Protein backbone atom coordinates (compact mmCIF):
# COMPACT_ATOMS: atom_id res chain seq x y z
CA MET A 1 8.72 32.12 -2.62
CA HIS A 2 7.09 33.22 -5.87
CA HIS A 3 3.38 33.97 -5.57
CA THR A 4 1.43 34.17 -8.80
CA SER A 5 -1.78 35.95 -9.61
CA GLU A 6 -3.76 32.71 -9.28
CA GLN A 7 -5.13 31.70 -5.90
CA PRO A 8 -2.36 29.88 -3.99
CA ALA A 9 -3.32 26.27 -3.42
CA SER A 10 -3.10 24.09 -0.35
CA PHE A 11 -0.78 21.10 -0.92
CA THR A 12 -0.64 17.74 0.84
CA CYS A 13 2.40 15.70 -0.20
CA LEU A 14 2.70 11.95 0.47
CA GLY A 15 6.04 10.17 0.37
CA GLY A 16 9.36 9.82 2.14
CA GLY A 17 13.06 10.42 1.83
CA HIS A 18 14.72 12.54 -0.84
CA GLY A 19 11.74 12.36 -3.21
CA LEU A 20 9.46 14.00 -0.65
CA TYR A 21 12.13 16.62 0.11
CA GLN A 22 12.12 17.67 -3.58
CA THR A 23 8.31 17.70 -3.75
CA LEU A 24 7.97 19.84 -0.62
CA THR A 25 10.54 22.25 -2.02
CA ALA A 26 8.52 22.31 -5.28
CA ALA A 27 5.29 23.02 -3.35
CA ARG A 28 7.03 26.07 -1.82
CA PHE A 29 8.17 27.25 -5.26
CA ALA A 30 4.57 26.81 -6.47
CA GLY A 31 3.52 29.40 -3.85
CA ALA A 32 1.44 26.94 -1.81
CA SER A 33 -0.83 28.62 0.73
CA ASP A 34 -0.12 25.79 3.14
CA ILE A 35 1.69 22.47 2.96
CA ASN A 36 1.17 19.18 4.77
CA ALA A 37 3.76 16.43 4.46
CA VAL A 38 2.30 12.95 5.07
CA VAL A 39 5.27 10.72 5.71
CA THR A 40 6.01 7.00 5.55
CA VAL A 41 6.85 5.27 8.88
CA ALA A 42 8.35 1.95 7.78
CA ASP A 43 12.05 2.85 7.75
CA ASP A 44 14.20 0.38 9.67
CA GLY A 45 17.70 1.44 8.60
CA GLY A 46 20.45 3.72 9.89
CA SER A 47 19.77 6.20 12.67
CA SER A 48 15.98 5.80 12.33
CA GLY A 49 16.18 2.02 12.64
CA ARG A 50 18.34 2.26 15.76
CA LEU A 51 16.02 4.75 17.46
CA ARG A 52 12.99 2.73 16.46
CA ARG A 53 14.43 -0.45 18.00
CA GLU A 54 15.83 1.19 21.14
CA MET A 55 13.06 3.69 21.91
CA ASP A 56 9.96 2.11 20.34
CA VAL A 57 9.17 5.28 18.35
CA VAL A 58 7.97 6.06 14.84
CA PRO A 59 11.20 6.14 12.77
CA PRO A 60 12.07 9.86 12.66
CA GLY A 61 14.38 10.14 9.62
CA ASP A 62 11.84 10.85 6.90
CA LEU A 63 9.94 13.16 9.28
CA ARG A 64 13.17 15.07 9.95
CA MET A 65 13.90 15.44 6.24
CA ALA A 66 10.43 16.84 5.64
CA LEU A 67 10.87 19.34 8.49
CA ALA A 68 14.21 20.38 6.98
CA ALA A 69 12.58 20.88 3.56
CA LEU A 70 9.93 23.11 5.14
CA SER A 71 12.21 25.12 7.48
CA GLY A 72 11.65 28.87 7.32
CA GLU A 73 13.33 31.23 4.90
CA GLY A 74 16.16 33.50 5.98
CA GLU A 75 19.18 32.85 8.16
CA ASP A 76 17.30 31.20 11.04
CA GLY A 77 15.59 28.75 8.72
CA GLU A 78 18.90 27.90 7.06
CA ARG A 79 20.53 27.37 10.47
CA TRP A 80 17.65 25.10 11.52
CA ARG A 81 17.87 23.15 8.26
CA GLY A 82 21.57 22.50 8.86
CA THR A 83 20.93 21.62 12.50
CA LEU A 84 18.19 19.09 11.74
CA GLN A 85 20.29 17.45 9.01
CA HIS A 86 23.56 17.45 11.01
CA ARG A 87 25.02 13.94 11.34
CA PHE A 88 27.46 12.92 14.04
CA GLY A 89 30.69 11.32 12.84
CA GLY A 90 33.21 9.14 14.65
CA HIS A 91 32.72 5.60 15.89
CA GLY A 92 30.91 6.04 19.20
CA ALA A 93 27.30 5.56 20.23
CA MET A 94 26.32 8.83 18.49
CA ALA A 95 27.97 7.99 15.17
CA GLY A 96 25.57 8.18 12.24
CA HIS A 97 22.69 9.72 14.20
CA ALA A 98 21.12 12.82 12.68
CA LEU A 99 20.58 15.56 15.25
CA GLY A 100 17.01 16.14 14.08
CA ASN A 101 16.18 12.47 14.70
CA LEU A 102 17.31 12.82 18.32
CA LEU A 103 15.42 16.09 18.73
CA ILE A 104 12.15 14.57 17.49
CA THR A 105 12.61 11.43 19.62
CA GLY A 106 13.46 13.41 22.78
CA LEU A 107 10.57 15.84 22.33
CA ALA A 108 8.15 12.98 21.66
CA GLU A 109 9.23 11.47 25.01
CA GLN A 110 8.77 14.78 26.79
CA LEU A 111 5.41 15.61 25.26
CA GLY A 112 4.18 12.01 25.14
CA ASP A 113 3.16 12.41 21.50
CA THR A 114 5.04 12.33 18.19
CA GLN A 115 2.67 14.72 16.40
CA ALA A 116 3.00 17.29 19.19
CA ALA A 117 6.79 16.97 18.92
CA LEU A 118 6.71 17.52 15.15
CA ASP A 119 4.42 20.53 15.51
CA GLN A 120 6.76 21.99 18.14
CA VAL A 121 9.81 21.62 15.85
CA ALA A 122 7.75 23.17 13.02
CA ALA A 123 7.01 26.17 15.24
CA TRP A 124 10.68 26.61 16.16
CA THR A 125 11.89 26.29 12.57
CA GLY A 126 9.35 28.75 11.14
CA SER A 127 8.07 25.87 9.02
CA ALA A 128 6.18 26.47 5.80
CA GLY A 129 3.95 23.55 6.71
CA ARG A 130 3.11 20.61 8.90
CA VAL A 131 4.72 17.17 9.02
CA ILE A 132 2.41 14.24 9.79
CA PRO A 133 3.32 10.53 10.11
CA VAL A 134 0.93 8.52 7.91
CA CYS A 135 0.28 6.15 10.84
CA PRO A 136 0.76 6.77 14.57
CA ARG A 137 2.64 3.44 14.95
CA PRO A 138 5.77 2.26 13.16
CA LEU A 139 5.10 -0.18 10.31
CA ASP A 140 7.06 -2.94 8.62
CA ILE A 141 7.17 -3.68 4.93
CA GLU A 142 7.29 -7.21 3.60
CA ALA A 143 7.86 -7.97 -0.09
CA ASP A 144 7.44 -10.97 -2.37
CA VAL A 145 10.64 -11.09 -4.38
CA ALA A 146 11.42 -13.19 -7.45
CA GLY A 147 14.87 -14.10 -8.72
CA LEU A 148 16.51 -14.87 -5.37
CA ASP A 149 16.27 -18.57 -6.19
CA ASP A 150 17.58 -20.70 -9.03
CA ASP A 151 13.98 -21.06 -10.17
CA PRO A 152 12.79 -17.58 -11.27
CA ARG A 153 9.17 -18.48 -10.44
CA VAL A 154 9.89 -18.97 -6.75
CA LEU A 155 8.88 -15.97 -4.63
CA ARG A 156 10.67 -15.33 -1.37
CA SER A 157 9.48 -13.05 1.40
CA VAL A 158 11.84 -10.19 2.28
CA ARG A 159 11.14 -8.09 5.35
CA GLY A 160 12.08 -4.51 6.24
CA GLN A 161 12.43 -1.31 4.23
CA VAL A 162 16.20 -1.58 3.81
CA ALA A 163 15.98 -5.21 2.66
CA VAL A 164 13.21 -4.35 0.17
CA ALA A 165 14.99 -1.26 -1.17
CA THR A 166 18.27 -3.10 -1.74
CA THR A 167 17.13 -6.57 -2.83
CA PRO A 168 18.99 -8.05 -5.82
CA GLY A 169 15.74 -9.78 -6.89
CA THR A 170 12.61 -8.34 -8.51
CA VAL A 171 9.92 -7.08 -6.13
CA ARG A 172 6.50 -8.37 -7.17
CA ARG A 173 4.37 -6.90 -4.42
CA VAL A 174 4.58 -5.45 -0.93
CA ARG A 175 2.48 -5.75 2.22
CA LEU A 176 2.37 -3.86 5.48
CA THR A 177 2.64 -5.48 8.88
CA PRO A 178 0.50 -4.96 10.79
CA ASP A 179 -1.90 -5.37 7.87
CA LYS A 180 -4.52 -2.63 7.30
CA PRO A 181 -3.13 -0.25 9.95
CA ALA A 182 -5.12 2.74 11.18
CA ALA A 183 -4.07 6.05 9.64
CA SER A 184 -3.26 9.19 11.62
CA PRO A 185 -6.52 11.19 11.65
CA ASP A 186 -4.44 14.31 10.85
CA ALA A 187 -3.15 12.62 7.69
CA VAL A 188 -6.68 11.82 6.50
CA GLU A 189 -7.77 15.37 7.27
CA ALA A 190 -4.80 16.82 5.37
CA ILE A 191 -5.77 14.83 2.25
CA LEU A 192 -9.45 15.78 2.47
CA GLY A 193 -8.66 19.47 3.03
CA ALA A 194 -6.13 19.99 0.22
CA ASP A 195 -6.43 21.49 -3.28
CA VAL A 196 -3.56 19.37 -4.60
CA VAL A 197 -2.37 16.02 -3.26
CA THR A 198 0.92 14.59 -4.53
CA ILE A 199 2.10 10.99 -4.19
CA GLY A 200 5.79 10.24 -4.82
CA PRO A 201 8.40 10.34 -6.23
CA GLY A 202 10.65 8.06 -4.18
CA SER A 203 11.45 4.41 -3.58
CA TRP A 204 8.36 2.97 -5.25
CA PHE A 205 7.82 -0.12 -3.11
CA SER A 206 9.24 1.16 0.16
CA SER A 207 8.10 4.78 0.43
CA VAL A 208 5.38 5.43 -2.18
CA ILE A 209 3.14 2.34 -2.40
CA PRO A 210 2.99 1.83 1.42
CA HIS A 211 0.80 4.96 1.66
CA ILE A 212 -1.91 3.49 -0.55
CA LEU A 213 -1.88 0.23 1.45
CA VAL A 214 -3.29 2.12 4.45
CA PRO A 215 -7.07 1.72 3.89
CA GLU A 216 -8.14 5.11 5.30
CA ILE A 217 -5.51 6.87 3.17
CA ALA A 218 -6.69 5.16 -0.04
CA GLN A 219 -10.27 6.05 0.93
CA ALA A 220 -9.36 9.70 1.59
CA LEU A 221 -7.60 9.90 -1.79
CA ASN A 222 -10.82 8.75 -3.46
CA ASP A 223 -13.02 11.05 -1.35
CA THR A 224 -11.02 14.27 -1.60
CA ASP A 225 -11.93 17.08 -3.99
CA ALA A 226 -8.21 17.73 -4.43
CA LYS A 227 -6.42 17.07 -7.67
CA VAL A 228 -4.47 13.87 -6.90
CA VAL A 229 -1.17 13.74 -8.79
CA VAL A 230 1.26 10.80 -8.78
CA ILE A 231 4.81 11.94 -9.56
CA LEU A 232 6.68 9.16 -11.33
CA ASN A 233 10.37 8.51 -10.79
CA LEU A 234 12.76 9.79 -13.43
CA THR A 235 14.71 6.53 -13.63
CA PRO A 236 14.28 3.02 -12.22
CA GLU A 237 16.18 2.44 -8.99
CA ALA A 238 18.92 -0.09 -8.54
CA GLY A 239 17.40 -2.63 -6.19
CA GLU A 240 13.66 -2.51 -5.94
CA THR A 241 12.63 -1.24 -9.40
CA HIS A 242 15.64 -2.25 -11.47
CA GLY A 243 14.71 -2.26 -15.16
CA PHE A 244 11.14 -1.04 -14.58
CA THR A 245 9.61 1.06 -17.36
CA THR A 246 7.38 4.05 -16.58
CA GLU A 247 4.41 1.92 -17.59
CA ARG A 248 5.39 -0.82 -15.12
CA HIS A 249 5.67 1.75 -12.31
CA ILE A 250 2.02 2.67 -12.98
CA HIS A 251 0.92 -0.98 -13.20
CA VAL A 252 2.43 -2.02 -9.86
CA PHE A 253 1.00 1.12 -8.27
CA SER A 254 -2.54 0.25 -9.42
CA GLN A 255 -2.16 -3.46 -8.54
CA HIS A 256 -1.60 -2.48 -4.92
CA ALA A 257 -4.78 -0.39 -4.72
CA PRO A 258 -7.16 -1.58 -7.45
CA GLU A 259 -10.01 0.64 -6.21
CA LEU A 260 -7.91 3.80 -6.18
CA ARG A 261 -8.65 6.66 -8.58
CA VAL A 262 -6.20 9.50 -9.21
CA ASP A 263 -6.32 12.50 -11.53
CA ALA A 264 -2.89 12.60 -13.11
CA PHE A 265 0.48 10.94 -13.46
CA LEU A 266 3.37 13.31 -13.96
CA ALA A 267 6.24 11.91 -16.05
CA ASP A 268 9.46 13.42 -17.31
CA ASP A 269 9.25 14.19 -21.02
CA ARG A 270 12.36 12.09 -21.59
CA ALA A 271 10.82 9.05 -19.90
CA ALA A 272 9.06 7.81 -23.03
CA THR A 273 10.17 9.03 -26.40
CA THR A 274 8.10 7.00 -28.87
CA ALA A 275 4.39 7.48 -29.53
CA GLY A 276 3.83 3.77 -28.84
CA GLU A 277 5.46 3.95 -25.41
CA ARG A 278 3.41 7.01 -24.52
CA GLU A 279 0.24 5.25 -25.63
CA ASN A 280 1.01 2.28 -23.34
CA ILE A 281 1.68 4.65 -20.44
CA ALA A 282 -1.61 6.47 -21.09
CA ARG A 283 -3.46 3.14 -21.18
CA ALA A 284 -1.93 2.05 -17.87
CA ALA A 285 -2.93 5.38 -16.28
CA ALA A 286 -6.47 5.12 -17.67
CA GLY A 287 -6.91 2.08 -15.40
CA LEU A 288 -6.90 4.56 -12.51
CA ASP A 289 -9.03 7.09 -14.47
CA ALA A 290 -5.92 9.26 -14.74
CA ALA A 291 -4.34 11.30 -17.51
CA VAL A 292 -0.57 11.44 -18.03
CA THR A 293 1.27 14.74 -18.33
CA PHE A 294 4.77 14.70 -19.83
CA MET A 295 6.90 17.70 -18.83
CA PRO A 296 10.59 18.42 -18.26
CA LEU A 297 11.13 17.51 -14.59
CA GLY A 298 14.74 16.38 -14.15
CA GLU A 299 17.63 18.41 -12.78
CA GLN A 300 20.10 19.51 -15.44
CA THR A 301 23.10 17.21 -15.19
CA GLU A 302 26.60 18.40 -16.13
CA ASP A 303 27.00 15.88 -18.95
CA GLY A 304 23.38 15.93 -20.15
CA SER A 305 22.68 12.37 -18.94
CA ALA A 306 19.32 11.44 -17.37
CA SER A 307 19.00 12.88 -13.88
CA THR A 308 17.63 10.78 -11.02
CA ARG A 309 16.47 13.88 -9.12
CA HIS A 310 13.53 16.14 -9.81
CA ASP A 311 14.25 19.83 -10.24
CA PRO A 312 11.95 21.55 -7.69
CA GLU A 313 11.33 24.60 -9.93
CA LYS A 314 10.40 22.47 -12.94
CA LEU A 315 8.24 20.27 -10.71
CA ALA A 316 6.54 23.38 -9.29
CA ALA A 317 5.68 24.58 -12.82
CA ALA A 318 4.29 21.13 -13.71
CA LEU A 319 2.17 20.92 -10.54
CA LYS A 320 0.74 24.38 -11.16
CA ALA A 321 -0.09 23.39 -14.75
CA VAL A 322 -1.84 20.19 -13.64
CA HIS A 323 -3.75 22.05 -10.92
CA ALA A 324 -4.85 24.76 -13.35
CA ALA A 325 -6.11 22.18 -15.88
CA ARG A 326 -9.49 21.55 -14.27
């Protein structure tokens, strides 16, 4: 990847799913000296959900995606990336399982430890970094959702990551069960030891906010000397953040961890076009002592419409700029 004249920085990236994949790819483009992925463990859908229920393991899907994002360069790394991401077809017992999920689950059984299994896969794949579950135990997410009832003021409890991510109602807040879980010590260490810590992008209520609901993680984010950067989503998501403005994304983030302080929010320069909107966003961020940086972050779409995916090279440039701005 491209190294610049500046000192390469150590990155710790918090998140899950496709958002984390893009951020890890961006960290590589930014010439990171080392990368730690701290990954959500609340997934209960698809292959991960099945393995979690049958084997009593941390759901491996988001961990697998992070390992794929960090797989080595060259032909071997490419082969590993394809292998980890390979999904079985058909209608049998294997249908829908990702090969990497089975590999992580089987190794964790053999070695008696999920972290050891992840570190072993990282060694095999020539990984550019380390993948760390945020908590050593699987978690559940529960949300208070409005709009599922005739009376819009009635809040109903919805449980499970899939249910939260796909609810037709409006998510007001989320909780973890068990409440206040212990963090993986390696995750805390990775936050304290980094130069840059990123949070997001991704499903706001089901893979971004859960991180800051883990008390030791929130504490580490406040204690670290790293520049802590929250990467905002490019567009609201159907389901959990339908119709949310950039400002509202920041508000719900801070409501879930009122004591948290971060350095910067990174927003796409097309997210807010008027001075008034930008002022409101800046005011929301100031509640967390943070500045807002507007930069082009979205992938170029064929028809010029707003992209939902971050472009890793643009994101890398933005992260380097934020890190350099001491």
